Amino acid sequence: MDCTNVKRDHKKEMRAVQDSMDVLSGKWKISILSSICFYSKRRFSDILADIDGISNKMLSKELKELELNRLIKRTVLATQPITVQYELTEHGLSLKTIIVNLKDWGIKHRMEIIGK
């Protein structure tokens, strides 16, 4: 393989990583996806309670972006009062392994740094 092909392949790989980061970037998206992933279906208030420091407005904004990127599905239930549930789409479920690996790494990293 010549250097031109290697460089082109590397560019393609880096573009794919950047595309992923564009969709998942920000302070809250991975935490939101994790909340939904670990519990299957979550209500807005459940996600809000799971994530320290996020505001109602920011959670609403991030959920809309994740829905636009087809990672989560929003379902309005005909209850009184109305209940809204969020769950990962089939496409969103493809992130489950990554989220579990991040959780596992986070546990190991915490042990490495502070021993807890």
N, C-alpha and C. Protein backbone atom coordinates (compact mmCIF):
# COMPACT_ATOMS: atom_id res chain seq x y z
N MET A 1 0.86 -1.17 0.00
CA MET A 1 0.00 0.00 0.00
C MET A 1 0.90 1.23 0.00
N ASP A 2 0.61 2.15 -0.90
CA ASP A 2 1.45 3.36 -0.95
C ASP A 2 0.98 4.38 0.08
N CYS A 3 1.83 5.39 0.29
CA CYS A 3 1.56 6.42 1.32
C CYS A 3 0.29 7.20 1.04
N THR A 4 -0.07 7.39 -0.22
CA THR A 4 -1.28 8.13 -0.55
C THR A 4 -2.53 7.42 -0.02
N ASN A 5 -2.59 6.10 -0.21
CA ASN A 5 -3.74 5.33 0.28
C ASN A 5 -3.80 5.31 1.81
N VAL A 6 -2.64 5.20 2.44
CA VAL A 6 -2.59 5.20 3.90
C VAL A 6 -3.10 6.54 4.42
N LYS A 7 -2.65 7.62 3.81
CA LYS A 7 -3.07 8.96 4.23
C LYS A 7 -4.57 9.15 4.01
N ARG A 8 -5.09 8.67 2.87
CA ARG A 8 -6.50 8.78 2.57
C ARG A 8 -7.34 7.98 3.57
N ASP A 9 -6.90 6.76 3.89
CA ASP A 9 -7.61 5.93 4.87
C ASP A 9 -7.60 6.58 6.24
N HIS A 10 -6.46 7.15 6.61
CA HIS A 10 -6.36 7.82 7.91
C HIS A 10 -7.31 9.01 7.96
N LYS A 11 -7.38 9.78 6.89
CA LYS A 11 -8.29 10.93 6.83
C LYS A 11 -9.74 10.46 7.00
N LYS A 12 -10.08 9.38 6.34
CA LYS A 12 -11.43 8.83 6.41
C LYS A 12 -11.76 8.40 7.85
N GLU A 13 -10.80 7.74 8.50
CA GLU A 13 -11.00 7.31 9.89
C GLU A 13 -11.14 8.51 10.81
N MET A 14 -10.31 9.52 10.61
CA MET A 14 -10.38 10.71 11.46
C MET A 14 -11.69 11.46 11.24
N ARG A 15 -12.19 11.49 10.01
CA ARG A 15 -13.47 12.12 9.71
C ARG A 15 -14.60 11.38 10.42
N ALA A 16 -14.52 10.05 10.46
CA ALA A 16 -15.54 9.24 11.14
C ALA A 16 -15.54 9.52 12.64
N VAL A 17 -14.35 9.65 13.23
CA VAL A 17 -14.26 9.98 14.66
C VAL A 17 -14.85 11.37 14.90
N GLN A 18 -14.52 12.32 14.04
CA GLN A 18 -15.04 13.68 14.20
C GLN A 18 -16.57 13.71 14.05
N ASP A 19 -17.09 12.95 13.10
CA ASP A 19 -18.56 12.86 12.95
C ASP A 19 -19.20 12.34 14.23
N SER A 20 -18.59 11.30 14.81
CA SER A 20 -19.11 10.75 16.06
C SER A 20 -19.06 11.78 17.17
N MET A 21 -17.96 12.49 17.28
CA MET A 21 -17.81 13.50 18.32
C MET A 21 -18.81 14.64 18.13
N ASP A 22 -19.08 15.00 16.90
CA ASP A 22 -20.06 16.06 16.63
C ASP A 22 -21.44 15.68 17.15
N VAL A 23 -21.81 14.42 17.00
CA VAL A 23 -23.12 13.96 17.45
C VAL A 23 -23.17 13.80 18.97
N LEU A 24 -22.07 13.34 19.57
CA LEU A 24 -22.06 13.00 20.99
C LEU A 24 -21.40 14.05 21.89
N SER A 25 -20.93 15.14 21.29
CA SER A 25 -20.17 16.11 22.07
C SER A 25 -21.05 16.89 23.03
N GLY A 26 -20.39 17.57 23.93
CA GLY A 26 -21.09 18.36 24.92
C GLY A 26 -21.00 17.70 26.28
N LYS A 27 -21.40 18.43 27.26
CA LYS A 27 -21.28 17.97 28.65
C LYS A 27 -22.30 16.89 29.01
N TRP A 28 -23.43 16.83 28.31
CA TRP A 28 -24.56 16.05 28.80
C TRP A 28 -24.96 14.83 27.98
N LYS A 29 -24.65 14.78 26.69
CA LYS A 29 -25.23 13.75 25.82
C LYS A 29 -24.90 12.33 26.26
N ILE A 30 -23.66 12.06 26.60
CA ILE A 30 -23.30 10.70 27.01
C ILE A 30 -24.02 10.33 28.31
N SER A 31 -24.14 11.28 29.21
CA SER A 31 -24.86 11.01 30.47
C SER A 31 -26.33 10.72 30.21
N ILE A 32 -26.94 11.47 29.32
CA ILE A 32 -28.35 11.25 28.97
C ILE A 32 -28.53 9.87 28.34
N LEU A 33 -27.67 9.56 27.37
CA LEU A 33 -27.75 8.24 26.72
C LEU A 33 -27.52 7.12 27.73
N SER A 34 -26.61 7.33 28.68
CA SER A 34 -26.34 6.32 29.70
C SER A 34 -27.56 6.10 30.58
N SER A 35 -28.20 7.16 31.00
CA SER A 35 -29.40 7.05 31.83
C SER A 35 -30.46 6.21 31.13
N ILE A 36 -30.67 6.50 29.87
CA ILE A 36 -31.68 5.75 29.11
C ILE A 36 -31.22 4.31 28.86
N CYS A 37 -29.95 4.15 28.54
CA CYS A 37 -29.39 2.83 28.23
C CYS A 37 -29.47 1.88 29.42
N PHE A 38 -29.12 2.36 30.61
CA PHE A 38 -29.07 1.50 31.79
C PHE A 38 -30.46 1.14 32.31
N TYR A 39 -31.48 1.92 31.94
CA TYR A 39 -32.83 1.66 32.44
C TYR A 39 -33.84 1.33 31.35
N SER A 40 -33.41 1.28 30.10
CA SER A 40 -34.26 0.96 28.96
C SER A 40 -35.19 2.11 28.58
N LYS A 41 -36.15 2.43 29.44
CA LYS A 41 -37.07 3.55 29.17
C LYS A 41 -37.00 4.49 30.37
N ARG A 42 -36.95 5.79 30.08
CA ARG A 42 -36.86 6.78 31.16
C ARG A 42 -37.79 7.94 30.87
N ARG A 43 -38.38 8.46 31.94
CA ARG A 43 -39.16 9.69 31.82
C ARG A 43 -38.21 10.87 31.97
N PHE A 44 -38.67 12.02 31.53
CA PHE A 44 -37.89 13.26 31.62
C PHE A 44 -37.39 13.47 33.05
N SER A 45 -38.30 13.34 34.01
CA SER A 45 -37.94 13.59 35.41
C SER A 45 -36.91 12.57 35.93
N ASP A 46 -36.96 11.33 35.42
CA ASP A 46 -35.98 10.32 35.82
C ASP A 46 -34.58 10.70 35.34
N ILE A 47 -34.52 11.12 34.07
CA ILE A 47 -33.23 11.53 33.50
C ILE A 47 -32.69 12.75 34.24
N LEU A 48 -33.57 13.70 34.51
CA LEU A 48 -33.20 14.90 35.24
C LEU A 48 -32.62 14.54 36.62
N ALA A 49 -33.23 13.58 37.30
CA ALA A 49 -32.75 13.16 38.62
C ALA A 49 -31.42 12.41 38.53
N ASP A 50 -31.19 11.70 37.43
CA ASP A 50 -29.95 10.93 37.25
C ASP A 50 -28.73 11.82 37.05
N ILE A 51 -28.92 12.99 36.45
CA ILE A 51 -27.79 13.81 36.00
C ILE A 51 -27.67 15.07 36.85
N ASP A 52 -26.70 15.07 37.73
CA ASP A 52 -26.46 16.23 38.59
C ASP A 52 -26.07 17.45 37.77
N GLY A 53 -26.74 18.56 38.03
CA GLY A 53 -26.34 19.84 37.44
C GLY A 53 -27.01 20.22 36.14
N ILE A 54 -27.75 19.33 35.51
CA ILE A 54 -28.40 19.68 34.25
C ILE A 54 -29.72 20.39 34.54
N SER A 55 -30.01 21.40 33.75
CA SER A 55 -31.27 22.13 33.93
C SER A 55 -32.36 21.52 33.05
N ASN A 56 -33.61 21.84 33.36
CA ASN A 56 -34.74 21.39 32.54
C ASN A 56 -34.56 21.82 31.09
N LYS A 57 -34.19 23.07 30.91
CA LYS A 57 -34.05 23.63 29.56
C LYS A 57 -32.95 22.92 28.77
N MET A 58 -31.81 22.67 29.43
CA MET A 58 -30.70 21.99 28.74
C MET A 58 -31.06 20.54 28.43
N LEU A 59 -31.71 19.86 29.37
CA LEU A 59 -32.11 18.47 29.12
C LEU A 59 -33.07 18.41 27.93
N SER A 60 -34.01 19.31 27.89
CA SER A 60 -34.97 19.36 26.79
C SER A 60 -34.25 19.58 25.46
N LYS A 61 -33.32 20.51 25.43
CA LYS A 61 -32.55 20.81 24.21
C LYS A 61 -31.74 19.59 23.75
N GLU A 62 -31.05 18.96 24.69
CA GLU A 62 -30.21 17.81 24.35
C GLU A 62 -31.05 16.61 23.89
N LEU A 63 -32.19 16.39 24.54
CA LEU A 63 -33.07 15.31 24.11
C LEU A 63 -33.56 15.52 22.68
N LYS A 64 -33.89 16.76 22.34
CA LYS A 64 -34.31 17.06 20.97
C LYS A 64 -33.20 16.77 19.97
N GLU A 65 -31.96 17.14 20.31
CA GLU A 65 -30.84 16.87 19.41
C GLU A 65 -30.60 15.37 19.25
N LEU A 66 -30.68 14.64 20.35
CA LEU A 66 -30.49 13.19 20.27
C LEU A 66 -31.61 12.53 19.45
N GLU A 67 -32.81 13.07 19.56
CA GLU A 67 -33.93 12.56 18.76
C GLU A 67 -33.71 12.88 17.28
N LEU A 68 -33.25 14.09 16.97
CA LEU A 68 -32.95 14.46 15.58
C LEU A 68 -31.89 13.56 14.97
N ASN A 69 -30.94 13.13 15.79
CA ASN A 69 -29.88 12.24 15.31
C ASN A 69 -30.28 10.77 15.38
N ARG A 70 -31.56 10.52 15.66
CA ARG A 70 -32.15 9.18 15.65
C ARG A 70 -31.50 8.23 16.66
N LEU A 71 -31.04 8.78 17.77
CA LEU A 71 -30.44 7.96 18.81
C LEU A 71 -31.46 7.60 19.89
N ILE A 72 -32.46 8.46 20.06
CA ILE A 72 -33.52 8.17 21.02
C ILE A 72 -34.88 8.36 20.37
N LYS A 73 -35.86 7.73 20.99
CA LYS A 73 -37.24 7.84 20.53
C LYS A 73 -38.06 8.41 21.68
N ARG A 74 -38.89 9.36 21.37
CA ARG A 74 -39.77 10.00 22.35
C ARG A 74 -41.18 9.46 22.14
N THR A 75 -41.79 8.97 23.22
CA THR A 75 -43.15 8.44 23.15
C THR A 75 -44.02 9.17 24.16
N VAL A 76 -45.13 9.72 23.68
CA VAL A 76 -46.09 10.39 24.56
C VAL A 76 -47.17 9.38 24.90
N LEU A 77 -47.34 9.13 26.20
CA LEU A 77 -48.34 8.17 26.66
C LEU A 77 -49.62 8.89 27.06
N ALA A 78 -50.74 8.29 26.75
CA ALA A 78 -52.05 8.90 27.03
C ALA A 78 -52.44 8.65 28.49
N THR A 79 -51.69 9.26 29.39
CA THR A 79 -51.98 9.16 30.81
C THR A 79 -52.43 10.53 31.31
N GLN A 80 -52.90 10.58 32.52
CA GLN A 80 -53.30 11.87 33.10
C GLN A 80 -52.48 12.10 34.36
N PRO A 81 -51.56 13.04 34.44
CA PRO A 81 -51.13 13.90 33.34
C PRO A 81 -50.33 13.11 32.30
N ILE A 82 -50.13 13.73 31.16
CA ILE A 82 -49.41 13.09 30.06
C ILE A 82 -48.00 12.70 30.51
N THR A 83 -47.59 11.51 30.14
CA THR A 83 -46.25 11.00 30.44
C THR A 83 -45.47 10.89 29.14
N VAL A 84 -44.22 11.33 29.17
CA VAL A 84 -43.34 11.20 28.01
C VAL A 84 -42.20 10.26 28.41
N GLN A 85 -41.97 9.25 27.58
CA GLN A 85 -40.88 8.30 27.82
C GLN A 85 -39.86 8.40 26.70
N TYR A 86 -38.63 8.15 27.07
CA TYR A 86 -37.53 8.13 26.10
C TYR A 86 -36.88 6.76 26.15
N GLU A 87 -36.51 6.27 24.97
CA GLU A 87 -35.78 5.02 24.87
C GLU A 87 -34.82 5.11 23.70
N LEU A 88 -33.80 4.26 23.73
CA LEU A 88 -32.85 4.24 22.62
C LEU A 88 -33.51 3.62 21.40
N THR A 89 -33.23 4.18 20.25
CA THR A 89 -33.65 3.57 18.99
C THR A 89 -32.74 2.38 18.70
N GLU A 90 -33.04 1.65 17.67
CA GLU A 90 -32.14 0.56 17.27
C GLU A 90 -30.76 1.12 16.97
N HIS A 91 -30.73 2.27 16.29
CA HIS A 91 -29.45 2.93 15.99
C HIS A 91 -28.76 3.36 17.29
N GLY A 92 -29.52 3.89 18.24
CA GLY A 92 -28.97 4.30 19.53
C GLY A 92 -28.43 3.13 20.32
N LEU A 93 -29.09 1.98 20.20
CA LEU A 93 -28.63 0.78 20.90
C LEU A 93 -27.24 0.36 20.45
N SER A 94 -26.83 0.78 19.25
CA SER A 94 -25.48 0.44 18.78
C SER A 94 -24.41 1.12 19.64
N LEU A 95 -24.80 2.10 20.46
CA LEU A 95 -23.86 2.77 21.36
C LEU A 95 -23.74 2.06 22.71
N LYS A 96 -24.57 1.08 22.97
CA LYS A 96 -24.61 0.44 24.29
C LYS A 96 -23.24 -0.13 24.70
N THR A 97 -22.57 -0.80 23.80
CA THR A 97 -21.25 -1.36 24.10
C THR A 97 -20.27 -0.26 24.47
N ILE A 98 -20.32 0.85 23.75
CA ILE A 98 -19.44 1.97 24.03
C ILE A 98 -19.74 2.55 25.41
N ILE A 99 -21.02 2.71 25.72
CA ILE A 99 -21.42 3.26 27.03
C ILE A 99 -20.99 2.33 28.16
N VAL A 100 -21.18 1.04 28.00
CA VAL A 100 -20.76 0.08 29.02
C VAL A 100 -19.24 0.10 29.18
N ASN A 101 -18.52 0.18 28.06
CA ASN A 101 -17.05 0.27 28.13
C ASN A 101 -16.61 1.55 28.83
N LEU A 102 -17.28 2.66 28.58
CA LEU A 102 -16.96 3.91 29.27
C LEU A 102 -17.20 3.79 30.77
N LYS A 103 -18.32 3.15 31.14
CA LYS A 103 -18.62 2.93 32.56
C LYS A 103 -17.54 2.10 33.21
N ASP A 104 -17.17 0.99 32.56
CA ASP A 104 -16.15 0.10 33.11
C ASP A 104 -14.81 0.83 33.24
N TRP A 105 -14.44 1.59 32.22
CA TRP A 105 -13.19 2.34 32.26
C TRP A 105 -13.24 3.38 33.38
N GLY A 106 -14.39 4.05 33.54
CA GLY A 106 -14.54 5.06 34.59
C GLY A 106 -14.35 4.46 35.97
N ILE A 107 -14.86 3.26 36.20
CA ILE A 107 -14.70 2.58 37.48
C ILE A 107 -13.22 2.28 37.72
N LYS A 108 -12.56 1.73 36.70
CA LYS A 108 -11.13 1.42 36.82
C LYS A 108 -10.29 2.68 37.01
N HIS A 109 -10.65 3.73 36.28
CA HIS A 109 -9.89 4.98 36.39
C HIS A 109 -10.04 5.58 37.79
N ARG A 110 -11.24 5.56 38.32
CA ARG A 110 -11.47 6.07 39.68
C ARG A 110 -10.60 5.30 40.68
N MET A 111 -10.55 3.98 40.52
CA MET A 111 -9.72 3.15 41.41
C MET A 111 -8.24 3.51 41.25
N GLU A 112 -7.81 3.74 40.03
CA GLU A 112 -6.42 4.09 39.75
C GLU A 112 -6.04 5.43 40.39
N ILE A 113 -6.94 6.38 40.30
CA ILE A 113 -6.64 7.74 40.77
C ILE A 113 -6.86 7.92 42.26
N ILE A 114 -8.00 7.46 42.77
CA ILE A 114 -8.30 7.73 44.19
C ILE A 114 -8.55 6.46 45.01
N GLY A 115 -8.51 5.32 44.37
CA GLY A 115 -8.63 4.07 45.12
C GLY A 115 -10.02 3.76 45.64
N LYS A 116 -11.05 4.39 45.07
CA LYS A 116 -12.44 4.13 45.51
C LYS A 116 -13.29 3.70 44.35
